[in-house]
Amino acid sequence: SGCDLPHIDCRTLKYDETITHEGFQVSTLKISHDTKEPCAFLVETGGVRSLFLTDIGTTEDFDTTALADLDYLFIEANHDETMLRTGRYPAFLKNRISGSGGHLNNRECGLLVKTLARQSPNLQAIMLAHLSRDNNTPEFALATARECAGVLPAVQWSVASQFEPRRCI
């Protein structure tokens, strides 16, 4: 496993835990997903706050109060609702993906971005991530999330590639 490598510091973090390592403060935030103890991560260093939020099934019970003054946001825009509903996946999988333990659709992503942006006047960039290969496109994700988030003129939007690491669209 990767944790056997001597230069990697592997730690298990629990909900609402914060650690500091080499100038980075990492806090876990409880999210809804159908796995054991799913978390989002708030990473802070040098006054810069970045939120990494994927594998979240619903935003209904997601507490955004500690998420003011974000600078960067990496957020799931997993699926387009119509593509998922009319796509080839079996009903049980469609229900899982669109359920409270599944994944955020583009609209839900945009609405959460709107909430977080209101609390973060210095938000610089948003990267949409964890797009479904079969039930989304970068164009749908970006257009829908931006429409739902409202006007954010100072924010740079991008989409993480579904197929190539470290490549943005």
C-alpha atoms as a PDB file:
ATOM      1  CA  SER A   1       0.000   0.000   0.000  1.00  0.00           C
ATOM      2  CA  GLY A   2       1.017   3.626  -0.396  1.00  0.00           C
ATOM      3  CA  CYS A   3       1.277   3.962   3.375  1.00  0.00           C
ATOM      4  CA  ASP A   4       4.317   1.671   3.337  1.00  0.00           C
ATOM      5  CA  LEU A   5       6.341   4.344   1.566  1.00  0.00           C
ATOM      6  CA  PRO A   6       8.650   6.139   3.999  1.00  0.00           C
ATOM      7  CA  HIS A   7       8.019   9.664   2.670  1.00  0.00           C
ATOM      8  CA  ILE A   8       4.215   9.532   2.961  1.00  0.00           C
ATOM      9  CA  ASP A   9       2.577  10.492   6.255  1.00  0.00           C
ATOM     10  CA  CYS A  10      -0.638   8.451   6.450  1.00  0.00           C
ATOM     11  CA  ARG A  11      -3.118   9.160   9.210  1.00  0.00           C
ATOM     12  CA  THR A  12      -6.701   8.170   9.778  1.00  0.00           C
ATOM     13  CA  LEU A  13      -8.879  11.192  10.502  1.00  0.00           C
ATOM     14  CA  LYS A  14     -12.259  11.017  12.152  1.00  0.00           C
ATOM     15  CA  TYR A  15     -15.209  13.400  11.834  1.00  0.00           C
ATOM     16  CA  ASP A  16     -14.624  16.914  13.097  1.00  0.00           C
ATOM     17  CA  GLU A  17     -10.921  16.276  13.619  1.00  0.00           C
ATOM     18  CA  THR A  18      -8.182  18.732  12.706  1.00  0.00           C
ATOM     19  CA  ILE A  19      -4.507  17.978  12.270  1.00  0.00           C
ATOM     20  CA  THR A  20      -1.583  20.187  11.389  1.00  0.00           C
ATOM     21  CA  HIS A  21       1.274  18.897   9.279  1.00  0.00           C
ATOM     22  CA  GLU A  22       4.122  20.850   7.697  1.00  0.00           C
ATOM     23  CA  GLY A  23       2.208  24.133   7.693  1.00  0.00           C
ATOM     24  CA  PHE A  24      -1.095  22.672   6.521  1.00  0.00           C
ATOM     25  CA  GLN A  25      -4.128  22.412   8.749  1.00  0.00           C
ATOM     26  CA  VAL A  26      -6.573  19.730   7.596  1.00  0.00           C
ATOM     27  CA  SER A  27     -10.067  19.503   9.067  1.00  0.00           C
ATOM     28  CA  THR A  28     -12.654  16.847   8.309  1.00  0.00           C
ATOM     29  CA  LEU A  29     -16.307  17.654   7.773  1.00  0.00           C
ATOM     30  CA  LYS A  30     -19.076  15.093   7.939  1.00  0.00           C
ATOM     31  CA  ILE A  31     -20.936  14.532   4.676  1.00  0.00           C
ATOM     32  CA  SER A  32     -23.668  12.200   3.480  1.00  0.00           C
ATOM     33  CA  HIS A  33     -22.603   9.231   1.348  1.00  0.00           C
ATOM     34  CA  ASP A  34     -23.209   5.488   1.426  1.00  0.00           C
ATOM     35  CA  THR A  35     -19.768   4.635   2.768  1.00  0.00           C
ATOM     36  CA  LYS A  36     -18.330   4.438   6.266  1.00  0.00           C
ATOM     37  CA  GLU A  37     -17.485   7.870   7.692  1.00  0.00           C
ATOM     38  CA  PRO A  38     -17.361   9.920   4.472  1.00  0.00           C
ATOM     39  CA  CYS A  39     -15.654  13.275   4.872  1.00  0.00           C
ATOM     40  CA  ALA A  40     -14.968  16.506   3.093  1.00  0.00           C
ATOM     41  CA  PHE A  41     -11.653  18.203   3.775  1.00  0.00           C
ATOM     42  CA  LEU A  42     -10.963  21.827   4.597  1.00  0.00           C
ATOM     43  CA  VAL A  43      -7.275  22.574   4.031  1.00  0.00           C
ATOM     44  CA  GLU A  44      -5.734  25.792   5.299  1.00  0.00           C
ATOM     45  CA  THR A  45      -2.227  27.144   4.844  1.00  0.00           C
ATOM     46  CA  GLY A  46      -0.844  30.663   4.898  1.00  0.00           C
ATOM     47  CA  GLY A  47      -4.324  32.142   5.280  1.00  0.00           C
ATOM     48  CA  VAL A  48      -5.635  30.307   2.195  1.00  0.00           C
ATOM     49  CA  ARG A  49      -8.695  28.075   2.696  1.00  0.00           C
ATOM     50  CA  SER A  50      -9.570  25.298   0.236  1.00  0.00           C
ATOM     51  CA  LEU A  51     -12.524  22.925   0.456  1.00  0.00           C
ATOM     52  CA  PHE A  52     -12.434  19.465  -1.158  1.00  0.00           C
ATOM     53  CA  LEU A  53     -15.981  18.126  -1.386  1.00  0.00           C
ATOM     54  CA  THR A  54     -16.798  14.966  -3.354  1.00  0.00           C
ATOM     55  CA  ASP A  55     -18.911  11.872  -2.787  1.00  0.00           C
ATOM     56  CA  ILE A  56     -21.670  13.839  -1.115  1.00  0.00           C
ATOM     57  CA  GLY A  57     -25.198  12.522  -1.589  1.00  0.00           C
ATOM     58  CA  THR A  58     -27.151  15.456  -0.243  1.00  0.00           C
ATOM     59  CA  THR A  59     -26.525  18.960   1.021  1.00  0.00           C
ATOM     60  CA  GLU A  60     -29.542  18.942   3.343  1.00  0.00           C
ATOM     61  CA  ASP A  61     -27.569  18.030   6.452  1.00  0.00           C
ATOM     62  CA  PHE A  62     -24.235  19.524   5.372  1.00  0.00           C
ATOM     63  CA  ASP A  63     -23.222  22.246   7.814  1.00  0.00           C
ATOM     64  CA  THR A  64     -21.741  25.178   5.911  1.00  0.00           C
ATOM     65  CA  THR A  65     -21.358  27.508   8.911  1.00  0.00           C
ATOM     66  CA  ALA A  66     -17.618  26.802   9.310  1.00  0.00           C
ATOM     67  CA  LEU A  67     -17.022  27.340   5.608  1.00  0.00           C
ATOM     68  CA  ALA A  68     -16.844  31.111   5.380  1.00  0.00           C
ATOM     69  CA  ASP A  69     -13.970  32.813   3.611  1.00  0.00           C
ATOM     70  CA  LEU A  70     -13.043  30.034   1.196  1.00  0.00           C
ATOM     71  CA  ASP A  71     -10.464  30.852  -1.459  1.00  0.00           C
ATOM     72  CA  TYR A  72     -10.745  27.654  -3.519  1.00  0.00           C
ATOM     73  CA  LEU A  73     -13.468  25.061  -3.959  1.00  0.00           C
ATOM     74  CA  PHE A  74     -13.088  21.566  -5.443  1.00  0.00           C
ATOM     75  CA  ILE A  75     -16.648  20.221  -5.635  1.00  0.00           C
ATOM     76  CA  GLU A  76     -18.525  17.269  -7.061  1.00  0.00           C
ATOM     77  CA  ALA A  77     -20.836  17.781 -10.042  1.00  0.00           C
ATOM     78  CA  ASN A  78     -21.450  14.101 -10.653  1.00  0.00           C
ATOM     79  CA  HIS A  79     -24.424  13.876 -12.962  1.00  0.00           C
ATOM     80  CA  ASP A  80     -26.966  15.635 -15.113  1.00  0.00           C
ATOM     81  CA  GLU A  81     -30.422  14.705 -13.800  1.00  0.00           C
ATOM     82  CA  THR A  82     -31.906  14.049 -17.247  1.00  0.00           C
ATOM     83  CA  MET A  83     -28.946  12.025 -18.484  1.00  0.00           C
ATOM     84  CA  LEU A  84     -29.100   9.839 -15.372  1.00  0.00           C
ATOM     85  CA  ARG A  85     -32.888   9.380 -15.536  1.00  0.00           C
ATOM     86  CA  THR A  86     -32.905   8.458 -19.237  1.00  0.00           C
ATOM     87  CA  GLY A  87     -29.567   6.637 -19.332  1.00  0.00           C
ATOM     88  CA  ARG A  88     -28.718   2.955 -19.485  1.00  0.00           C
ATOM     89  CA  TYR A  89     -28.074   2.352 -15.784  1.00  0.00           C
ATOM     90  CA  PRO A  90     -30.430  -0.063 -14.013  1.00  0.00           C
ATOM     91  CA  ALA A  91     -33.075   1.496 -11.747  1.00  0.00           C
ATOM     92  CA  PHE A  92     -31.368   0.451  -8.497  1.00  0.00           C
ATOM     93  CA  LEU A  93     -28.155   2.230  -9.527  1.00  0.00           C
ATOM     94  CA  LYS A  94     -29.995   5.360 -10.690  1.00  0.00           C
ATOM     95  CA  ASN A  95     -31.748   5.463  -7.303  1.00  0.00           C
ATOM     96  CA  ARG A  96     -28.468   5.011  -5.434  1.00  0.00           C
ATOM     97  CA  ILE A  97     -26.695   7.755  -7.381  1.00  0.00           C
ATOM     98  CA  SER A  98     -29.547  10.258  -7.054  1.00  0.00           C
ATOM     99  CA  GLY A  99     -30.340   9.342  -3.435  1.00  0.00           C
ATOM    100  CA  SER A 100     -29.149  10.953  -0.214  1.00  0.00           C
ATOM    101  CA  GLY A 101     -26.207   8.557   0.004  1.00  0.00           C
ATOM    102  CA  GLY A 102     -25.169   9.001  -3.622  1.00  0.00           C
ATOM    103  CA  HIS A 103     -23.752  11.937  -5.536  1.00  0.00           C
ATOM    104  CA  LEU A 104     -24.520  15.621  -6.190  1.00  0.00           C
ATOM    105  CA  ASN A 105     -26.074  16.475  -9.501  1.00  0.00           C
ATOM    106  CA  ASN A 106     -25.059  19.603 -11.402  1.00  0.00           C
ATOM    107  CA  ARG A 107     -27.971  21.663 -10.068  1.00  0.00           C
ATOM    108  CA  GLU A 108     -27.332  20.710  -6.429  1.00  0.00           C
ATOM    109  CA  CYS A 109     -23.662  21.499  -6.940  1.00  0.00           C
ATOM    110  CA  GLY A 110     -24.479  24.972  -8.254  1.00  0.00           C
ATOM    111  CA  LEU A 111     -26.845  25.712  -5.390  1.00  0.00           C
ATOM    112  CA  LEU A 112     -24.211  24.697  -2.840  1.00  0.00           C
ATOM    113  CA  VAL A 113     -21.655  26.843  -4.663  1.00  0.00           C
ATOM    114  CA  LYS A 114     -24.091  29.759  -4.379  1.00  0.00           C
ATOM    115  CA  THR A 115     -24.339  29.280  -0.607  1.00  0.00           C
ATOM    116  CA  LEU A 116     -20.591  28.943  -0.151  1.00  0.00           C
ATOM    117  CA  ALA A 117     -19.816  31.904  -2.429  1.00  0.00           C
ATOM    118  CA  ARG A 118     -22.125  34.172  -0.407  1.00  0.00           C
ATOM    119  CA  GLN A 119     -20.015  33.327   2.649  1.00  0.00           C
ATOM    120  CA  SER A 120     -16.731  33.687   0.752  1.00  0.00           C
ATOM    121  CA  PRO A 121     -16.334  37.116  -0.840  1.00  0.00           C
ATOM    122  CA  ASN A 122     -12.722  36.307  -1.794  1.00  0.00           C
ATOM    123  CA  LEU A 123     -13.505  33.021  -3.557  1.00  0.00           C
ATOM    124  CA  GLN A 124     -11.037  32.798  -6.448  1.00  0.00           C
ATOM    125  CA  ALA A 125     -11.647  29.494  -8.184  1.00  0.00           C
ATOM    126  CA  ILE A 126     -14.074  26.596  -8.404  1.00  0.00           C
ATOM    127  CA  MET A 127     -13.165  23.252  -9.910  1.00  0.00           C
ATOM    128  CA  LEU A 128     -15.999  20.850 -10.697  1.00  0.00           C
ATOM    129  CA  ALA A 129     -14.986  17.250 -10.117  1.00  0.00           C
ATOM    130  CA  HIS A 130     -16.073  13.613  -9.996  1.00  0.00           C
ATOM    131  CA  LEU A 131     -18.169  13.869 -13.160  1.00  0.00           C
ATOM    132  CA  SER A 132     -19.852  10.669 -14.259  1.00  0.00           C
ATOM    133  CA  ARG A 133     -18.512   9.271 -17.527  1.00  0.00           C
ATOM    134  CA  ASP A 134     -22.001   8.116 -18.573  1.00  0.00           C
ATOM    135  CA  ASN A 135     -24.304  10.687 -16.991  1.00  0.00           C
ATOM    136  CA  ASN A 136     -22.608  14.039 -17.429  1.00  0.00           C
ATOM    137  CA  THR A 137     -20.418  16.131 -19.674  1.00  0.00           C
ATOM    138  CA  PRO A 138     -18.058  18.929 -18.709  1.00  0.00           C
ATOM    139  CA  GLU A 139     -20.245  21.336 -20.707  1.00  0.00           C
ATOM    140  CA  PHE A 140     -23.480  20.329 -18.915  1.00  0.00           C
ATOM    141  CA  ALA A 141     -21.790  20.409 -15.515  1.00  0.00           C
ATOM    142  CA  LEU A 142     -20.290  23.832 -16.020  1.00  0.00           C
ATOM    143  CA  ALA A 143     -23.361  25.437 -17.595  1.00  0.00           C
ATOM    144  CA  THR A 144     -25.802  24.104 -14.991  1.00  0.00           C
ATOM    145  CA  ALA A 145     -23.618  24.771 -11.954  1.00  0.00           C
ATOM    146  CA  ARG A 146     -22.864  28.325 -13.115  1.00  0.00           C
ATOM    147  CA  GLU A 147     -26.535  29.040 -13.826  1.00  0.00           C
ATOM    148  CA  CYS A 148     -27.595  27.799 -10.367  1.00  0.00           C
ATOM    149  CA  ALA A 149     -24.734  29.549  -8.567  1.00  0.00           C
ATOM    150  CA  GLY A 150     -25.583  32.920 -10.045  1.00  0.00           C
ATOM    151  CA  VAL A 151     -23.208  35.645 -11.118  1.00  0.00           C
ATOM    152  CA  LEU A 152     -19.713  35.240  -9.658  1.00  0.00           C
ATOM    153  CA  PRO A 153     -17.624  37.569 -11.844  1.00  0.00           C
ATOM    154  CA  ALA A 154     -14.376  37.278  -9.885  1.00  0.00           C
ATOM    155  CA  VAL A 155     -14.383  33.471  -9.815  1.00  0.00           C
ATOM    156  CA  GLN A 156     -12.487  31.282 -12.278  1.00  0.00           C
ATOM    157  CA  TRP A 157     -14.402  28.087 -13.131  1.00  0.00           C
ATOM    158  CA  SER A 158     -12.872  24.875 -14.429  1.00  0.00           C
ATOM    159  CA  VAL A 159     -13.718  21.192 -14.701  1.00  0.00           C
ATOM    160  CA  ALA A 160     -11.353  18.427 -13.652  1.00  0.00           C
ATOM    161  CA  SER A 161     -10.827  15.947 -16.438  1.00  0.00           C
ATOM    162  CA  GLN A 162     -12.669  12.669 -16.062  1.00  0.00           C
ATOM    163  CA  PHE A 163      -9.885  10.783 -17.772  1.00  0.00           C
ATOM    164  CA  GLU A 164      -6.545  12.503 -17.241  1.00  0.00           C
ATOM    165  CA  PRO A 165      -5.027  13.374 -13.861  1.00  0.00           C
ATOM    166  CA  ARG A 166      -4.047  17.006 -13.339  1.00  0.00           C
ATOM    167  CA  ARG A 167      -5.762  18.169 -16.525  1.00  0.00           C
ATOM    168  CA  CYS A 168      -8.491  20.779 -16.431  1.00  0.00           C
ATOM    169  CA  ILE A 169     -11.059  21.474 -19.087  1.00  0.00           C
END
